[in-house]
C-alpha atoms as a PDB file:
ATOM      1  CA  UNK A   1     116.373 -88.471-143.480  1.00  0.00           C
ATOM      2  CA  UNK A   2     118.451 -91.298-143.696  1.00  0.00           C
ATOM      3  CA  UNK A   3     118.728 -93.531-146.392  1.00  0.00           C
ATOM      4  CA  UNK A   4     118.234 -96.606-144.822  1.00  0.00           C
ATOM      5  CA  UNK A   5     116.195 -99.239-146.366  1.00  0.00           C
ATOM      6  CA  UNK A   6     114.208-101.423-144.769  1.00  0.00           C
ATOM      7  CA  UNK A   7     114.588-105.100-144.804  1.00  0.00           C
ATOM      8  CA  UNK A   8     111.644-105.977-147.127  1.00  0.00           C
ATOM      9  CA  UNK A   9     112.138-104.256-150.166  1.00  0.00           C
ATOM     10  CA  UNK A  10     108.165-104.296-150.613  1.00  0.00           C
ATOM     11  CA  UNK A  11     106.144-101.325-149.835  1.00  0.00           C
ATOM     12  CA  UNK A  12     104.403-100.541-146.314  1.00  0.00           C
ATOM     13  CA  UNK A  13     104.662 -98.804-143.423  1.00  0.00           C
ATOM     14  CA  UNK A  14     107.885 -98.809-141.064  1.00  0.00           C
ATOM     15  CA  UNK A  15     108.957 -96.951-138.070  1.00  0.00           C
ATOM     16  CA  UNK A  16     109.901 -93.334-139.164  1.00  0.00           C
ATOM     17  CA  UNK A  17     114.008 -93.896-140.151  1.00  0.00           C
ATOM     18  CA  UNK A  18     113.822 -89.992-138.529  1.00  0.00           C
ATOM     19  CA  UNK A  19     113.075 -91.336-135.237  1.00  0.00           C
ATOM     20  CA  UNK A  20     109.712 -89.567-135.672  1.00  0.00           C
ATOM     21  CA  UNK A  21     106.441 -91.197-133.049  1.00  0.00           C
ATOM     22  CA  UNK A  22     104.625 -92.640-135.964  1.00  0.00           C
ATOM     23  CA  UNK A  23     105.104 -94.520-139.216  1.00  0.00           C
ATOM     24  CA  UNK A  24     106.842 -93.030-142.503  1.00  0.00           C
ATOM     25  CA  UNK A  25     105.829 -95.168-146.048  1.00  0.00           C
ATOM     26  CA  UNK A  26     108.396 -96.771-147.815  1.00  0.00           C
ATOM     27  CA  UNK A  27     107.505 -97.321-151.756  1.00  0.00           C
ATOM     28  CA  UNK A  28     109.780 -99.725-151.937  1.00  0.00           C
ATOM     29  CA  UNK A  29     112.635 -97.806-153.124  1.00  0.00           C
ATOM     30  CA  UNK A  30     112.314 -94.478-151.072  1.00  0.00           C
ATOM     31  CA  UNK A  31     111.148 -93.110-148.359  1.00  0.00           C
ATOM     32  CA  UNK A  32     108.270 -91.043-149.044  1.00  0.00           C
ATOM     33  CA  UNK A  33     107.163 -87.570-147.123  1.00  0.00           C
ATOM     34  CA  UNK A  34     103.220 -89.469-146.520  1.00  0.00           C
ATOM     35  CA  UNK A  35     103.962 -90.194-142.495  1.00  0.00           C
ATOM     36  CA  UNK A  36     101.073 -91.628-139.907  1.00  0.00           C
ATOM     37  CA  UNK A  37     101.420 -90.062-136.603  1.00  0.00           C
ATOM     38  CA  UNK A  38     100.030 -92.475-133.573  1.00  0.00           C
ATOM     39  CA  UNK A  39      96.886 -90.786-133.106  1.00  0.00           C
ATOM     40  CA  UNK A  40      96.197 -92.086-137.020  1.00  0.00           C
ATOM     41  CA  UNK A  41      97.107 -95.644-135.918  1.00  0.00           C
ATOM     42  CA  UNK A  42      94.521 -96.406-133.748  1.00  0.00           C
ATOM     43  CA  UNK A  43      93.777 -98.503-130.939  1.00  0.00           C
ATOM     44  CA  UNK A  44      95.902-101.036-129.689  1.00  0.00           C
ATOM     45  CA  UNK A  45      94.855-104.371-131.653  1.00  0.00           C
ATOM     46  CA  UNK A  46      93.644-107.191-129.321  1.00  0.00           C
ATOM     47  CA  UNK A  47      95.174-110.647-130.248  1.00  0.00           C
ATOM     48  CA  UNK A  48      93.818-114.141-130.140  1.00  0.00           C
ATOM     49  CA  UNK A  49      93.700-115.091-126.519  1.00  0.00           C
ATOM     50  CA  UNK A  50      94.732-118.517-126.375  1.00  0.00           C
ATOM     51  CA  UNK A  51      91.989-121.117-126.419  1.00  0.00           C
ATOM     52  CA  UNK A  52      90.750-122.158-122.621  1.00  0.00           C
ATOM     53  CA  UNK A  53      91.192-118.540-121.994  1.00  0.00           C
ATOM     54  CA  UNK A  54      88.624-117.379-118.865  1.00  0.00           C
ATOM     55  CA  UNK A  55      86.470-114.728-118.687  1.00  0.00           C
ATOM     56  CA  UNK A  56      86.286-114.715-114.726  1.00  0.00           C
ATOM     57  CA  UNK A  57      88.912-113.821-112.176  1.00  0.00           C
ATOM     58  CA  UNK A  58      88.647-114.073-108.418  1.00  0.00           C
ATOM     59  CA  UNK A  59      87.675-110.508-107.994  1.00  0.00           C
ATOM     60  CA  UNK A  60      85.041-110.298-109.661  1.00  0.00           C
ATOM     61  CA  UNK A  61      83.391-112.735-108.381  1.00  0.00           C
ATOM     62  CA  UNK A  62      83.897-111.242-104.854  1.00  0.00           C
ATOM     63  CA  UNK A  63      82.824-108.215-106.328  1.00  0.00           C
ATOM     64  CA  UNK A  64      79.649-109.538-107.615  1.00  0.00           C
ATOM     65  CA  UNK A  65      78.975-111.758-104.138  1.00  0.00           C
ATOM     66  CA  UNK A  66      79.908-108.424-102.102  1.00  0.00           C
ATOM     67  CA  UNK A  67      77.027-106.599-102.191  1.00  0.00           C
ATOM     68  CA  UNK A  68      75.469-109.567 -99.887  1.00  0.00           C
ATOM     69  CA  UNK A  69      77.400-108.451 -97.044  1.00  0.00           C
ATOM     70  CA  UNK A  70      75.451-105.442 -97.028  1.00  0.00           C
ATOM     71  CA  UNK A  71      72.076-107.385 -97.160  1.00  0.00           C
ATOM     72  CA  UNK A  72      73.344-109.086 -94.144  1.00  0.00           C
ATOM     73  CA  UNK A  73      73.855-106.271 -92.506  1.00  0.00           C
ATOM     74  CA  UNK A  74      70.607-104.870 -93.266  1.00  0.00           C
ATOM     75  CA  UNK A  75      69.027-108.331 -91.528  1.00  0.00           C
ATOM     76  CA  UNK A  76      70.788-108.638 -88.753  1.00  0.00           C
ATOM     77  CA  UNK A  77      71.626-105.200 -87.213  1.00  0.00           C
ATOM     78  CA  UNK A  78      68.455-103.691 -86.061  1.00  0.00           C
ATOM     79  CA  UNK A  79      66.781-100.556 -88.068  1.00  0.00           C
ATOM     80  CA  UNK A  80      65.088 -98.144 -85.859  1.00  0.00           C
ATOM     81  CA  UNK A  81      61.022 -97.588 -86.428  1.00  0.00           C
ATOM     82  CA  UNK A  82      59.486 -94.736 -88.736  1.00  0.00           C
ATOM     83  CA  UNK A  83      58.038 -93.367 -85.477  1.00  0.00           C
ATOM     84  CA  UNK A  84      61.584 -93.189 -83.558  1.00  0.00           C
ATOM     85  CA  UNK A  85      62.704 -91.377 -86.776  1.00  0.00           C
ATOM     86  CA  UNK A  86      59.849 -88.697 -86.202  1.00  0.00           C
ATOM     87  CA  UNK A  87      60.575 -88.289 -82.635  1.00  0.00           C
ATOM     88  CA  UNK A  88      64.439 -87.853 -83.276  1.00  0.00           C
ATOM     89  CA  UNK A  89      63.144 -84.856 -85.333  1.00  0.00           C
ATOM     90  CA  UNK A  90      61.526 -83.340 -82.386  1.00  0.00           C
ATOM     91  CA  UNK A  91      64.528 -84.475 -79.817  1.00  0.00           C
ATOM     92  CA  UNK A  92      67.042 -82.879 -82.002  1.00  0.00           C
ATOM     93  CA  UNK A  93      69.389 -85.280 -83.668  1.00  0.00           C
ATOM     94  CA  UNK A  94      71.888 -85.906 -80.580  1.00  0.00           C
ATOM     95  CA  UNK A  95      69.540 -86.932 -78.518  1.00  0.00           C
ATOM     96  CA  UNK A  96      68.061 -89.760 -80.582  1.00  0.00           C
ATOM     97  CA  UNK A  97      71.693 -90.826 -81.878  1.00  0.00           C
ATOM     98  CA  UNK A  98      71.506 -94.393 -83.618  1.00  0.00           C
ATOM     99  CA  UNK A  99      74.798 -96.224 -83.863  1.00  0.00           C
ATOM    100  CA  UNK A 100      73.025 -98.813 -86.204  1.00  0.00           C
ATOM    101  CA  UNK A 101      72.818 -96.509 -89.245  1.00  0.00           C
ATOM    102  CA  UNK A 102      76.770 -95.932 -87.927  1.00  0.00           C
ATOM    103  CA  UNK A 103      77.204 -99.759 -88.301  1.00  0.00           C
ATOM    104  CA  UNK A 104      74.991 -99.988 -91.534  1.00  0.00           C
ATOM    105  CA  UNK A 105      77.133 -96.721 -93.398  1.00  0.00           C
ATOM    106  CA  UNK A 106      80.436 -97.906 -92.425  1.00  0.00           C
ATOM    107  CA  UNK A 107      79.492-101.247 -93.085  1.00  0.00           C
ATOM    108  CA  UNK A 108      78.802 -99.699 -96.983  1.00  0.00           C
ATOM    109  CA  UNK A 109      81.718 -97.923 -97.212  1.00  0.00           C
ATOM    110  CA  UNK A 110      83.830-100.739 -96.205  1.00  0.00           C
ATOM    111  CA  UNK A 111      81.916-102.633 -99.208  1.00  0.00           C
ATOM    112  CA  UNK A 112      82.189-100.185-101.869  1.00  0.00           C
ATOM    113  CA  UNK A 113      86.194 -99.179-101.134  1.00  0.00           C
ATOM    114  CA  UNK A 114      86.761-102.905-101.623  1.00  0.00           C
ATOM    115  CA  UNK A 115      84.910-103.247-104.795  1.00  0.00           C
ATOM    116  CA  UNK A 116      87.003 -99.890-106.333  1.00  0.00           C
ATOM    117  CA  UNK A 117      90.379-101.980-104.945  1.00  0.00           C
ATOM    118  CA  UNK A 118      88.824-105.401-106.387  1.00  0.00           C
ATOM    119  CA  UNK A 119      88.323-103.652-109.739  1.00  0.00           C
ATOM    120  CA  UNK A 120      91.837-102.634-109.814  1.00  0.00           C
ATOM    121  CA  UNK A 121      92.810-106.550-108.663  1.00  0.00           C
ATOM    122  CA  UNK A 122      90.510-107.728-111.730  1.00  0.00           C
ATOM    123  CA  UNK A 123      91.258-105.162-114.667  1.00  0.00           C
ATOM    124  CA  UNK A 124      94.940-106.804-113.510  1.00  0.00           C
ATOM    125  CA  UNK A 125      94.385-109.868-113.902  1.00  0.00           C
ATOM    126  CA  UNK A 126      92.660-109.690-117.498  1.00  0.00           C
ATOM    127  CA  UNK A 127      96.151-107.797-118.507  1.00  0.00           C
ATOM    128  CA  UNK A 128      98.396-110.842-117.356  1.00  0.00           C
ATOM    129  CA  UNK A 129      95.596-113.157-118.806  1.00  0.00           C
ATOM    130  CA  UNK A 130      96.369-111.440-122.493  1.00  0.00           C
ATOM    131  CA  UNK A 131      93.820-108.984-122.669  1.00  0.00           C
ATOM    132  CA  UNK A 132      94.169-105.478-124.245  1.00  0.00           C
ATOM    133  CA  UNK A 133      92.639-102.591-122.664  1.00  0.00           C
ATOM    134  CA  UNK A 134      90.065-103.859-120.336  1.00  0.00           C
ATOM    135  CA  UNK A 135      87.493-102.360-118.886  1.00  0.00           C
ATOM    136  CA  UNK A 136      89.121 -99.743-116.747  1.00  0.00           C
ATOM    137  CA  UNK A 137      88.659 -99.607-112.963  1.00  0.00           C
ATOM    138  CA  UNK A 138      88.055 -96.321-112.143  1.00  0.00           C
ATOM    139  CA  UNK A 139      84.665 -97.134-113.458  1.00  0.00           C
ATOM    140  CA  UNK A 140      83.768 -98.973-109.921  1.00  0.00           C
ATOM    141  CA  UNK A 141      83.600 -95.629-108.062  1.00  0.00           C
ATOM    142  CA  UNK A 142      80.433 -95.190-110.017  1.00  0.00           C
ATOM    143  CA  UNK A 143      78.915 -98.386-108.642  1.00  0.00           C
ATOM    144  CA  UNK A 144      79.333-101.906-108.509  1.00  0.00           C
ATOM    145  CA  UNK A 145      76.951-102.162-111.260  1.00  0.00           C
ATOM    146  CA  UNK A 146      78.422-100.167-113.616  1.00  0.00           C
ATOM    147  CA  UNK A 147      81.874-102.072-113.263  1.00  0.00           C
ATOM    148  CA  UNK A 148      80.451-105.578-113.515  1.00  0.00           C
ATOM    149  CA  UNK A 149      77.843-104.613-116.619  1.00  0.00           C
ATOM    150  CA  UNK A 150      81.216-102.696-118.896  1.00  0.00           C
ATOM    151  CA  UNK A 151      84.190-105.336-117.492  1.00  0.00           C
ATOM    152  CA  UNK A 152      81.608-108.238-118.793  1.00  0.00           C
ATOM    153  CA  UNK A 153      80.736-107.006-122.159  1.00  0.00           C
ATOM    154  CA  UNK A 154      84.025-106.587-123.103  1.00  0.00           C
ATOM    155  CA  UNK A 155      84.913-109.775-122.285  1.00  0.00           C
ATOM    156  CA  UNK A 156      82.354-111.118-123.936  1.00  0.00           C
ATOM    157  CA  UNK A 157      83.297-109.342-126.949  1.00  0.00           C
ATOM    158  CA  UNK A 158      87.246-110.744-126.772  1.00  0.00           C
ATOM    159  CA  UNK A 159      85.993-114.057-125.907  1.00  0.00           C
ATOM    160  CA  UNK A 160      82.062-114.516-127.472  1.00  0.00           C
ATOM    161  CA  UNK A 161      81.366-115.310-123.474  1.00  0.00           C
ATOM    162  CA  UNK A 162      81.950-113.709-119.961  1.00  0.00           C
ATOM    163  CA  UNK A 163      78.212-112.430-119.229  1.00  0.00           C
ATOM    164  CA  UNK A 164      77.377-114.130-115.995  1.00  0.00           C
ATOM    165  CA  UNK A 165      78.818-111.837-114.041  1.00  0.00           C
ATOM    166  CA  UNK A 166      75.875-109.529-115.030  1.00  0.00           C
ATOM    167  CA  UNK A 167      73.339-112.046-114.522  1.00  0.00           C
ATOM    168  CA  UNK A 168      74.791-113.109-110.739  1.00  0.00           C
ATOM    169  CA  UNK A 169      75.165-109.667-109.703  1.00  0.00           C
ATOM    170  CA  UNK A 170      71.153-108.461-110.656  1.00  0.00           C
ATOM    171  CA  UNK A 171      70.335-111.327-108.721  1.00  0.00           C
ATOM    172  CA  UNK A 172      72.846-110.503-105.670  1.00  0.00           C
ATOM    173  CA  UNK A 173      71.090-106.830-106.239  1.00  0.00           C
ATOM    174  CA  UNK A 174      67.562-108.402-106.447  1.00  0.00           C
ATOM    175  CA  UNK A 175      67.778-110.449-103.048  1.00  0.00           C
ATOM    176  CA  UNK A 176      69.545-106.958-101.102  1.00  0.00           C
ATOM    177  CA  UNK A 177      66.614-104.839-102.112  1.00  0.00           C
ATOM    178  CA  UNK A 178      64.542-107.870-100.836  1.00  0.00           C
ATOM    179  CA  UNK A 179      66.432-107.936 -97.142  1.00  0.00           C
ATOM    180  CA  UNK A 180      66.381-104.144 -97.092  1.00  0.00           C
ATOM    181  CA  UNK A 181      62.698-104.176 -97.207  1.00  0.00           C
ATOM    182  CA  UNK A 182      62.095-106.877 -94.731  1.00  0.00           C
ATOM    183  CA  UNK A 183      64.822-104.845 -92.791  1.00  0.00           C
ATOM    184  CA  UNK A 184      62.462-101.853 -92.972  1.00  0.00           C
ATOM    185  CA  UNK A 185      59.113-103.583 -92.355  1.00  0.00           C
ATOM    186  CA  UNK A 186      60.143-105.859 -89.671  1.00  0.00           C
END
């Protein structure tokens, strides 16, 4: 171990002068054997965000409103009646092919994939705004709701505001459910 001294002579933790990955304790006169490894350092500290930092990004709002596209599809794309579904069981699956079902499924897949891509863009935008370790975009693979709720809670903890996307997403989800019921009953 080298005998180099830090610029400040008071006792404190410094980067290990021997080149180790952690910190070593300087007792004010010499380096001690006390070492703190990277795992003991804890998570990165969130620096205060500049005043006026917005808790919202364009991608989070698109993620929140994107399910309206599926709801619109449920209203505009015809749904086979229950009696025709029962007929499909007796006539065979190839004779009862419904292109509307394929279109609805492709629309849902598009919304799902776009949500994941936008969650990635949202995380990058939050990092650029100064957030340390914002909610990870991969949670969007589980569902839109998981990402929107988790992301909003993390932002709210750091800024003291930012829960609005949760409430808007709940409203959009209720509208989507209403559209699905109208589609089934209509």
